[in-house]
Amino acid sequence: MSTFADQPIPKNLRQQMVERVSTMDEPSLLRLHELNLLAEKIRLRQEMSDQADAENAAGTWDNLTEVIRAYRMRHRAA
């Protein structure tokens, strides 16, 4: 089974993509937009996960329970 990653990437990929998008019908363009949003969401989730892993490795959240407890004590409802 072949995947998209197995296909050669053309040197003028940006130009080809712009040409394809400029000639798409509306339903295809909307679908492409949805796929683009999904790809961006996946990228952002990975970026956030990487940041969280780095913060965790640095010990940033080692005392999270104590921080939450102190915050709640300072902000108790009157």
C-alpha atoms as a PDB file:
ATOM      1  CA  MET A   1       0.000   0.000   0.000  1.00  0.00           C
ATOM      2  CA  SER A   2       1.372   3.393  -0.983  1.00  0.00           C
ATOM      3  CA  THR A   3       1.084   6.514   1.131  1.00  0.00           C
ATOM      4  CA  PHE A   4       1.302  10.162   0.235  1.00  0.00           C
ATOM      5  CA  ALA A   5       4.695  10.336   1.941  1.00  0.00           C
ATOM      6  CA  ASP A   6       6.012   7.786  -0.580  1.00  0.00           C
ATOM      7  CA  GLN A   7       5.231  10.113  -3.494  1.00  0.00           C
ATOM      8  CA  PRO A   8       7.923  12.461  -4.789  1.00  0.00           C
ATOM      9  CA  ILE A   9       7.411  16.086  -3.831  1.00  0.00           C
ATOM     10  CA  PRO A  10       7.501  18.372  -6.849  1.00  0.00           C
ATOM     11  CA  LYS A  11       9.951  21.256  -6.773  1.00  0.00           C
ATOM     12  CA  ASN A  12       7.132  23.685  -7.584  1.00  0.00           C
ATOM     13  CA  LEU A  13       4.739  22.312  -4.968  1.00  0.00           C
ATOM     14  CA  ARG A  14       3.573  25.735  -3.789  1.00  0.00           C
ATOM     15  CA  GLN A  15       2.771  26.813  -7.338  1.00  0.00           C
ATOM     16  CA  GLN A  16       0.910  23.575  -8.036  1.00  0.00           C
ATOM     17  CA  MET A  17      -1.108  23.901  -4.834  1.00  0.00           C
ATOM     18  CA  VAL A  18      -2.049  27.519  -5.584  1.00  0.00           C
ATOM     19  CA  GLU A  19      -3.157  26.536  -9.089  1.00  0.00           C
ATOM     20  CA  ARG A  20      -5.265  23.656  -7.758  1.00  0.00           C
ATOM     21  CA  VAL A  21      -6.900  25.771  -5.082  1.00  0.00           C
ATOM     22  CA  SER A  22      -7.652  28.585  -7.520  1.00  0.00           C
ATOM     23  CA  THR A  23      -9.578  26.195  -9.784  1.00  0.00           C
ATOM     24  CA  MET A  24     -11.450  24.187  -7.120  1.00  0.00           C
ATOM     25  CA  ASP A  25     -15.213  24.173  -6.946  1.00  0.00           C
ATOM     26  CA  GLU A  26     -16.786  25.490  -3.735  1.00  0.00           C
ATOM     27  CA  PRO A  27     -17.481  22.101  -2.065  1.00  0.00           C
ATOM     28  CA  SER A  28     -13.888  21.003  -2.660  1.00  0.00           C
ATOM     29  CA  LEU A  29     -12.557  24.321  -1.390  1.00  0.00           C
ATOM     30  CA  LEU A  30     -14.644  24.043   1.788  1.00  0.00           C
ATOM     31  CA  ARG A  31     -13.420  20.483   2.336  1.00  0.00           C
ATOM     32  CA  LEU A  32      -9.816  21.611   1.850  1.00  0.00           C
ATOM     33  CA  HIS A  33     -10.407  24.373   4.396  1.00  0.00           C
ATOM     34  CA  GLU A  34     -11.746  21.825   6.911  1.00  0.00           C
ATOM     35  CA  LEU A  35      -8.733  19.602   6.334  1.00  0.00           C
ATOM     36  CA  ASN A  36      -6.398  22.554   6.766  1.00  0.00           C
ATOM     37  CA  LEU A  37      -8.057  23.422  10.087  1.00  0.00           C
ATOM     38  CA  LEU A  38      -7.705  19.804  11.208  1.00  0.00           C
ATOM     39  CA  ALA A  39      -4.016  19.777  10.270  1.00  0.00           C
ATOM     40  CA  GLU A  40      -3.486  23.018  12.214  1.00  0.00           C
ATOM     41  CA  LYS A  41      -5.282  21.586  15.253  1.00  0.00           C
ATOM     42  CA  ILE A  42      -3.078  18.486  15.158  1.00  0.00           C
ATOM     43  CA  ARG A  43       0.054  20.644  14.833  1.00  0.00           C
ATOM     44  CA  LEU A  44      -0.960  22.861  17.753  1.00  0.00           C
ATOM     45  CA  ARG A  45      -1.805  19.850  19.951  1.00  0.00           C
ATOM     46  CA  GLN A  46       1.633  18.392  19.244  1.00  0.00           C
ATOM     47  CA  GLU A  47       3.297  21.722  19.985  1.00  0.00           C
ATOM     48  CA  MET A  48       1.421  22.022  23.284  1.00  0.00           C
ATOM     49  CA  SER A  49       2.271  18.423  24.163  1.00  0.00           C
ATOM     50  CA  ASP A  50       5.951  19.031  23.436  1.00  0.00           C
ATOM     51  CA  GLN A  51       5.896  22.165  25.613  1.00  0.00           C
ATOM     52  CA  ALA A  52       4.164  20.291  28.432  1.00  0.00           C
ATOM     53  CA  ASP A  53       6.733  17.494  28.232  1.00  0.00           C
ATOM     54  CA  ALA A  54       9.566  20.028  28.370  1.00  0.00           C
ATOM     55  CA  GLU A  55       7.991  21.807  31.358  1.00  0.00           C
ATOM     56  CA  ASN A  56       7.425  18.504  33.106  1.00  0.00           C
ATOM     57  CA  ALA A  57      11.023  17.434  32.489  1.00  0.00           C
ATOM     58  CA  ALA A  58      12.215  20.788  33.850  1.00  0.00           C
ATOM     59  CA  GLY A  59      10.220  20.210  37.027  1.00  0.00           C
ATOM     60  CA  THR A  60       7.930  23.176  36.431  1.00  0.00           C
ATOM     61  CA  TRP A  61       4.870  21.330  37.750  1.00  0.00           C
ATOM     62  CA  ASP A  62       6.436  19.232  40.502  1.00  0.00           C
ATOM     63  CA  ASN A  63       4.597  21.141  43.218  1.00  0.00           C
ATOM     64  CA  LEU A  64       1.327  21.636  41.329  1.00  0.00           C
ATOM     65  CA  THR A  65      -0.824  20.207  44.125  1.00  0.00           C
ATOM     66  CA  GLU A  66       0.623  22.675  46.612  1.00  0.00           C
ATOM     67  CA  VAL A  67       0.205  25.595  44.195  1.00  0.00           C
ATOM     68  CA  ILE A  68      -3.464  24.735  43.648  1.00  0.00           C
ATOM     69  CA  ARG A  69      -4.051  24.351  47.373  1.00  0.00           C
ATOM     70  CA  ALA A  70      -2.453  27.746  48.087  1.00  0.00           C
ATOM     71  CA  TYR A  71      -4.471  29.417  45.327  1.00  0.00           C
ATOM     72  CA  ARG A  72      -7.703  27.977  46.683  1.00  0.00           C
ATOM     73  CA  MET A  73      -6.867  29.152  50.173  1.00  0.00           C
ATOM     74  CA  ARG A  74      -6.224  32.698  48.893  1.00  0.00           C
ATOM     75  CA  HIS A  75      -9.390  32.802  46.805  1.00  0.00           C
ATOM     76  CA  ARG A  76     -11.976  31.171  49.025  1.00  0.00           C
ATOM     77  CA  ALA A  77     -15.475  32.472  48.560  1.00  0.00           C
ATOM     78  CA  ALA A  78     -16.455  34.887  51.294  1.00  0.00           C
END
